[in-house]
Amino acid sequence: MARQLTTYERLALISKWKSPPGPSQERRLKRAENMVRAAIDQHAAFHGVNIHVEAKGSYPNNTNVRGDSDVDIKVQLNECFYYDG
């Protein structure tokens, strides 16, 4: 059975969790955004289309758990279009 954390240890853990992403997490986030942008850029159907890519969820909200969080990326279409490919 795992030992229970002290109040001090719990507060330290919460403080760590609520802090903004560190440099390695920031690189992970940017890499994920760039991978999504690259995937979009490879498809002719999206060329010239107004698309916005950004982080969503725990990273921009500073609620991610270091090492345990996934990276959520939002892809937003800012216009309507029809593609007949």
C-alpha atoms as a PDB file:
ATOM      1  CA  MET A   1       0.000   0.000   0.000  1.00  0.00           C
ATOM      2  CA  ALA A   2       1.350   3.441  -0.942  1.00  0.00           C
ATOM      3  CA  ARG A   3       1.954   5.912   1.843  1.00  0.00           C
ATOM      4  CA  GLN A   4      -0.294   8.932   2.060  1.00  0.00           C
ATOM      5  CA  LEU A   5       1.126  12.329   1.198  1.00  0.00           C
ATOM      6  CA  THR A   6       1.497  14.929   3.905  1.00  0.00           C
ATOM      7  CA  THR A   7      -0.361  18.219   3.646  1.00  0.00           C
ATOM      8  CA  TYR A   8       2.892  19.933   2.674  1.00  0.00           C
ATOM      9  CA  GLU A   9       3.557  17.339  -0.062  1.00  0.00           C
ATOM     10  CA  ARG A  10       0.009  17.726  -1.410  1.00  0.00           C
ATOM     11  CA  LEU A  11       0.326  21.511  -1.527  1.00  0.00           C
ATOM     12  CA  ALA A  12       3.706  21.245  -3.277  1.00  0.00           C
ATOM     13  CA  LEU A  13       2.216  18.856  -5.843  1.00  0.00           C
ATOM     14  CA  ILE A  14      -0.762  21.140  -6.509  1.00  0.00           C
ATOM     15  CA  SER A  15       1.589  24.107  -6.857  1.00  0.00           C
ATOM     16  CA  LYS A  16       3.645  22.166  -9.413  1.00  0.00           C
ATOM     17  CA  TRP A  17       0.532  21.186 -11.359  1.00  0.00           C
ATOM     18  CA  LYS A  18      -0.874  24.718 -11.543  1.00  0.00           C
ATOM     19  CA  SER A  19       2.304  26.316 -12.863  1.00  0.00           C
ATOM     20  CA  PRO A  20       2.607  27.083 -16.594  1.00  0.00           C
ATOM     21  CA  PRO A  21       4.248  24.529 -18.868  1.00  0.00           C
ATOM     22  CA  GLY A  22       8.019  24.375 -18.584  1.00  0.00           C
ATOM     23  CA  PRO A  23      10.397  24.573 -21.557  1.00  0.00           C
ATOM     24  CA  SER A  24      10.164  20.860 -22.415  1.00  0.00           C
ATOM     25  CA  GLN A  25       6.357  20.879 -22.227  1.00  0.00           C
ATOM     26  CA  GLU A  26       6.277  24.060 -24.319  1.00  0.00           C
ATOM     27  CA  ARG A  27       8.431  22.341 -26.977  1.00  0.00           C
ATOM     28  CA  ARG A  28       6.108  19.321 -26.906  1.00  0.00           C
ATOM     29  CA  LEU A  29       3.110  21.593 -27.431  1.00  0.00           C
ATOM     30  CA  LYS A  30       4.738  23.503 -30.318  1.00  0.00           C
ATOM     31  CA  ARG A  31       5.848  20.232 -31.936  1.00  0.00           C
ATOM     32  CA  ALA A  32       2.264  18.906 -31.796  1.00  0.00           C
ATOM     33  CA  GLU A  33       0.894  22.131 -33.295  1.00  0.00           C
ATOM     34  CA  ASN A  34       3.515  22.036 -36.066  1.00  0.00           C
ATOM     35  CA  MET A  35       2.744  18.392 -36.870  1.00  0.00           C
ATOM     36  CA  VAL A  36      -0.956  19.194 -37.269  1.00  0.00           C
ATOM     37  CA  ARG A  37      -0.191  22.256 -39.430  1.00  0.00           C
ATOM     38  CA  ALA A  38       2.153  20.171 -41.599  1.00  0.00           C
ATOM     39  CA  ALA A  39      -0.527  17.501 -42.068  1.00  0.00           C
ATOM     40  CA  ILE A  40      -3.050  20.176 -43.109  1.00  0.00           C
ATOM     41  CA  ASP A  41      -0.548  21.821 -45.476  1.00  0.00           C
ATOM     42  CA  GLN A  42       0.015  18.506 -47.308  1.00  0.00           C
ATOM     43  CA  HIS A  43      -3.562  18.389 -48.583  1.00  0.00           C
ATOM     44  CA  ALA A  44      -4.471  20.510 -51.592  1.00  0.00           C
ATOM     45  CA  ALA A  45      -8.076  20.767 -50.394  1.00  0.00           C
ATOM     46  CA  PHE A  46      -6.898  23.039 -47.572  1.00  0.00           C
ATOM     47  CA  HIS A  47      -4.599  25.323 -49.600  1.00  0.00           C
ATOM     48  CA  GLY A  48      -5.726  28.924 -49.279  1.00  0.00           C
ATOM     49  CA  VAL A  49      -8.329  28.052 -46.647  1.00  0.00           C
ATOM     50  CA  ASN A  50      -8.403  30.136 -43.468  1.00  0.00           C
ATOM     51  CA  ILE A  51      -7.591  27.553 -40.770  1.00  0.00           C
ATOM     52  CA  HIS A  52      -6.400  28.338 -37.250  1.00  0.00           C
ATOM     53  CA  VAL A  53      -4.408  25.754 -35.242  1.00  0.00           C
ATOM     54  CA  GLU A  54      -3.811  26.183 -31.498  1.00  0.00           C
ATOM     55  CA  ALA A  55      -3.493  24.357 -28.204  1.00  0.00           C
ATOM     56  CA  LYS A  56      -6.688  23.530 -26.370  1.00  0.00           C
ATOM     57  CA  GLY A  57      -7.431  22.065 -22.975  1.00  0.00           C
ATOM     58  CA  SER A  58      -5.061  21.617 -20.074  1.00  0.00           C
ATOM     59  CA  TYR A  59      -1.899  23.169 -21.547  1.00  0.00           C
ATOM     60  CA  PRO A  60      -3.208  26.689 -22.252  1.00  0.00           C
ATOM     61  CA  ASN A  61      -5.312  26.510 -19.076  1.00  0.00           C
ATOM     62  CA  ASN A  62      -2.242  25.610 -16.960  1.00  0.00           C
ATOM     63  CA  THR A  63      -4.008  22.554 -15.547  1.00  0.00           C
ATOM     64  CA  ASN A  64      -1.908  19.845 -17.163  1.00  0.00           C
ATOM     65  CA  VAL A  65      -0.207  17.199 -15.043  1.00  0.00           C
ATOM     66  CA  ARG A  66       3.461  17.126 -16.045  1.00  0.00           C
ATOM     67  CA  GLY A  67       4.390  13.956 -17.864  1.00  0.00           C
ATOM     68  CA  ASP A  68       0.845  12.609 -17.701  1.00  0.00           C
ATOM     69  CA  SER A  69      -0.999  15.040 -19.968  1.00  0.00           C
ATOM     70  CA  ASP A  70      -1.754  14.609 -23.610  1.00  0.00           C
ATOM     71  CA  VAL A  71      -1.629  17.568 -25.955  1.00  0.00           C
ATOM     72  CA  ASP A  72      -4.990  18.714 -27.301  1.00  0.00           C
ATOM     73  CA  ILE A  73      -4.862  20.670 -30.553  1.00  0.00           C
ATOM     74  CA  LYS A  74      -7.816  22.622 -31.930  1.00  0.00           C
ATOM     75  CA  VAL A  75      -8.188  23.015 -35.702  1.00  0.00           C
ATOM     76  CA  GLN A  76     -10.667  25.772 -36.483  1.00  0.00           C
ATOM     77  CA  LEU A  77     -12.047  26.479 -39.934  1.00  0.00           C
ATOM     78  CA  ASN A  78     -12.739  30.199 -40.190  1.00  0.00           C
ATOM     79  CA  GLU A  79     -14.717  30.100 -43.445  1.00  0.00           C
ATOM     80  CA  CYS A  80     -17.043  27.866 -45.384  1.00  0.00           C
ATOM     81  CA  PHE A  81     -15.872  26.097 -48.505  1.00  0.00           C
ATOM     82  CA  TYR A  82     -16.859  23.295 -50.821  1.00  0.00           C
ATOM     83  CA  TYR A  83     -14.346  20.882 -52.265  1.00  0.00           C
ATOM     84  CA  ASP A  84     -15.241  18.419 -55.000  1.00  0.00           C
ATOM     85  CA  GLY A  85     -12.127  16.314 -55.325  1.00  0.00           C
END
